[in-house]
Amino acid sequence: MDKIVSLARRRGFVFPSSEIYGGLGSSYDYGHYGVLLKDNVKARWLAAMVQERDDILALDSSIILHPRV
């Protein structure tokens, strides 16, 4: 995994979050190619797991939810 993360950082796919302030552990921001790669993976997953099935529906909900949820 370290080799993959190192390659992604060198090629500009990801950057440590808040890097100019010392960074945050295990938190990354996506660079231009990282955004494109993430969007492609998401689109392929959505097509295979949701759009090609009749028994699955997509849902995009809030990250912040009521405490009882």
Foldseek 3Di string as FASTA:
>chain_A
DVVVVVVCVVVQQWDAPPVVVPGDPPHIDGGPVVVVVVVVVVVVCCVVPPVVDPVHDDDDDDPDDDPVD
